[in-house]
Amino acid sequence: MTEAEIIKTVNNFLVEEFEVDESKITPDANLRETLELDSLDYVDLVVVIESNFGFKVKGEDFTTIHTFQDFYNYCYKKVQEKEVA
C-alpha cells in the first residue's frame, strides 16, 4: 500500500466511523481533539485500524500520535512492516 492509499483509507473510515467532517482532517490537526475521542472511541479506532490494515495495535502506540500526520505515519510504518514480514 502506498502512503496516499493509506491516507485515503484512514480518512474514509474516520469520516464513516467517527462522523467527522472531512475538511477538518488535515495533517497538522490534533487527532484526539478533532475526532473528540474518549477512551471508548480509542477502542473503536483500534478495531477499525486492525480490520482495515490487518496489524495489531497496542495502546501505548498512541502515546506518540498527536496529529493526523503522526497517525498516517504510524499506519504506513505498520503496513510496511507487515508486508515485509
C-alpha atoms as a PDB file:
ATOM      1  CA  MET A   1       0.000   0.000   0.000  1.00  0.00           C
ATOM      2  CA  THR A   2       1.250   3.456  -0.828  1.00  0.00           C
ATOM      3  CA  GLU A   3       1.190   6.316   1.646  1.00  0.00           C
ATOM      4  CA  ALA A   4      -1.525   8.030  -0.428  1.00  0.00           C
ATOM      5  CA  GLU A   5      -3.690   4.888  -0.297  1.00  0.00           C
ATOM      6  CA  ILE A   6      -3.265   4.689   3.457  1.00  0.00           C
ATOM      7  CA  ILE A   7      -4.225   8.350   3.905  1.00  0.00           C
ATOM      8  CA  LYS A   8      -7.323   7.862   1.749  1.00  0.00           C
ATOM      9  CA  THR A   9      -8.330   4.714   3.653  1.00  0.00           C
ATOM     10  CA  VAL A  10      -7.770   6.364   7.038  1.00  0.00           C
ATOM     11  CA  ASN A  11      -9.738   9.472   6.085  1.00  0.00           C
ATOM     12  CA  ASN A  12     -12.600   7.368   4.707  1.00  0.00           C
ATOM     13  CA  PHE A  13     -13.007   5.284   7.847  1.00  0.00           C
ATOM     14  CA  LEU A  14     -12.653   8.324  10.108  1.00  0.00           C
ATOM     15  CA  VAL A  15     -15.452  10.094   8.238  1.00  0.00           C
ATOM     16  CA  GLU A  16     -17.662   6.979   8.280  1.00  0.00           C
ATOM     17  CA  GLU A  17     -16.960   5.626  11.769  1.00  0.00           C
ATOM     18  CA  PHE A  18     -16.446   8.871  13.694  1.00  0.00           C
ATOM     19  CA  GLU A  19     -18.730  11.116  11.627  1.00  0.00           C
ATOM     20  CA  VAL A  20     -16.130  13.855  11.369  1.00  0.00           C
ATOM     21  CA  ASP A  21     -16.259  16.443   8.610  1.00  0.00           C
ATOM     22  CA  GLU A  22     -13.507  15.522   6.149  1.00  0.00           C
ATOM     23  CA  SER A  23     -12.491  19.176   5.830  1.00  0.00           C
ATOM     24  CA  LYS A  24     -11.360  19.062   9.484  1.00  0.00           C
ATOM     25  CA  ILE A  25      -8.932  16.226   8.754  1.00  0.00           C
ATOM     26  CA  THR A  26      -5.663  17.965   7.954  1.00  0.00           C
ATOM     27  CA  PRO A  27      -2.139  16.624   8.538  1.00  0.00           C
ATOM     28  CA  ASP A  28      -1.357  19.087  11.335  1.00  0.00           C
ATOM     29  CA  ALA A  29      -4.747  18.900  13.111  1.00  0.00           C
ATOM     30  CA  ASN A  30      -4.856  17.261  16.537  1.00  0.00           C
ATOM     31  CA  LEU A  31      -6.310  13.763  16.138  1.00  0.00           C
ATOM     32  CA  ARG A  32      -7.889  13.456  19.578  1.00  0.00           C
ATOM     33  CA  GLU A  33      -9.444  16.936  19.587  1.00  0.00           C
ATOM     34  CA  THR A  34     -10.712  16.788  16.003  1.00  0.00           C
ATOM     35  CA  LEU A  35     -12.340  13.391  16.480  1.00  0.00           C
ATOM     36  CA  GLU A  36     -13.381  14.200  20.068  1.00  0.00           C
ATOM     37  CA  LEU A  37     -12.017  10.818  21.187  1.00  0.00           C
ATOM     38  CA  ASP A  38     -12.687   9.389  24.609  1.00  0.00           C
ATOM     39  CA  SER A  39     -11.302   6.107  25.918  1.00  0.00           C
ATOM     40  CA  LEU A  40     -14.076   4.028  24.326  1.00  0.00           C
ATOM     41  CA  ASP A  41     -13.527   5.743  20.987  1.00  0.00           C
ATOM     42  CA  TYR A  42      -9.886   4.667  21.090  1.00  0.00           C
ATOM     43  CA  VAL A  43     -11.067   1.061  21.366  1.00  0.00           C
ATOM     44  CA  ASP A  44     -13.283   1.589  18.317  1.00  0.00           C
ATOM     45  CA  LEU A  45     -10.381   3.200  16.475  1.00  0.00           C
ATOM     46  CA  VAL A  46      -8.126   0.225  17.228  1.00  0.00           C
ATOM     47  CA  VAL A  47     -10.752  -2.193  15.913  1.00  0.00           C
ATOM     48  CA  VAL A  48     -11.188  -0.173  12.715  1.00  0.00           C
ATOM     49  CA  ILE A  49      -7.428   0.051  12.149  1.00  0.00           C
ATOM     50  CA  GLU A  50      -6.936  -3.672  12.682  1.00  0.00           C
ATOM     51  CA  SER A  51      -9.805  -4.601  10.364  1.00  0.00           C
ATOM     52  CA  ASN A  52      -8.699  -2.206   7.605  1.00  0.00           C
ATOM     53  CA  PHE A  53      -4.953  -2.829   7.699  1.00  0.00           C
ATOM     54  CA  GLY A  54      -4.548  -6.243   9.344  1.00  0.00           C
ATOM     55  CA  PHE A  55      -1.994  -5.377  12.007  1.00  0.00           C
ATOM     56  CA  LYS A  56      -2.288  -5.372  15.796  1.00  0.00           C
ATOM     57  CA  VAL A  57      -2.338  -2.064  17.651  1.00  0.00           C
ATOM     58  CA  LYS A  58      -1.037  -1.594  21.179  1.00  0.00           C
ATOM     59  CA  GLY A  59      -2.440   1.107  23.444  1.00  0.00           C
ATOM     60  CA  GLU A  60       0.993   2.545  24.077  1.00  0.00           C
ATOM     61  CA  ASP A  61       1.376   3.154  20.331  1.00  0.00           C
ATOM     62  CA  PHE A  62      -0.989   6.107  20.712  1.00  0.00           C
ATOM     63  CA  THR A  63       1.300   7.929  23.136  1.00  0.00           C
ATOM     64  CA  THR A  64       3.313   9.283  20.211  1.00  0.00           C
ATOM     65  CA  ILE A  65       0.346  10.018  17.940  1.00  0.00           C
ATOM     66  CA  HIS A  66      -0.861  13.592  18.240  1.00  0.00           C
ATOM     67  CA  THR A  67      -1.685  14.787  14.711  1.00  0.00           C
ATOM     68  CA  PHE A  68      -3.267  13.143  11.718  1.00  0.00           C
ATOM     69  CA  GLN A  69       0.187  13.088  10.090  1.00  0.00           C
ATOM     70  CA  ASP A  70       1.512  11.128  13.080  1.00  0.00           C
ATOM     71  CA  PHE A  71      -1.386   8.717  12.622  1.00  0.00           C
ATOM     72  CA  TYR A  72      -0.758   8.332   8.874  1.00  0.00           C
ATOM     73  CA  ASN A  73       2.951   7.736   9.519  1.00  0.00           C
ATOM     74  CA  TYR A  74       2.151   5.139  12.166  1.00  0.00           C
ATOM     75  CA  CYS A  75      -0.242   3.241   9.885  1.00  0.00           C
ATOM     76  CA  TYR A  76       2.183   3.429   6.951  1.00  0.00           C
ATOM     77  CA  LYS A  77       5.072   2.108   9.051  1.00  0.00           C
ATOM     78  CA  LYS A  78       2.993  -0.774  10.445  1.00  0.00           C
ATOM     79  CA  VAL A  79       1.672  -1.725   6.995  1.00  0.00           C
ATOM     80  CA  GLN A  80       5.216  -1.713   5.599  1.00  0.00           C
ATOM     81  CA  GLU A  81       6.420  -3.909   8.472  1.00  0.00           C
ATOM     82  CA  LYS A  82       3.547  -6.322   7.842  1.00  0.00           C
ATOM     83  CA  GLU A  83       4.266  -6.505   4.101  1.00  0.00           C
ATOM     84  CA  VAL A  84       7.958  -7.261   4.703  1.00  0.00           C
ATOM     85  CA  ALA A  85       7.244  -9.984   7.273  1.00  0.00           C
END
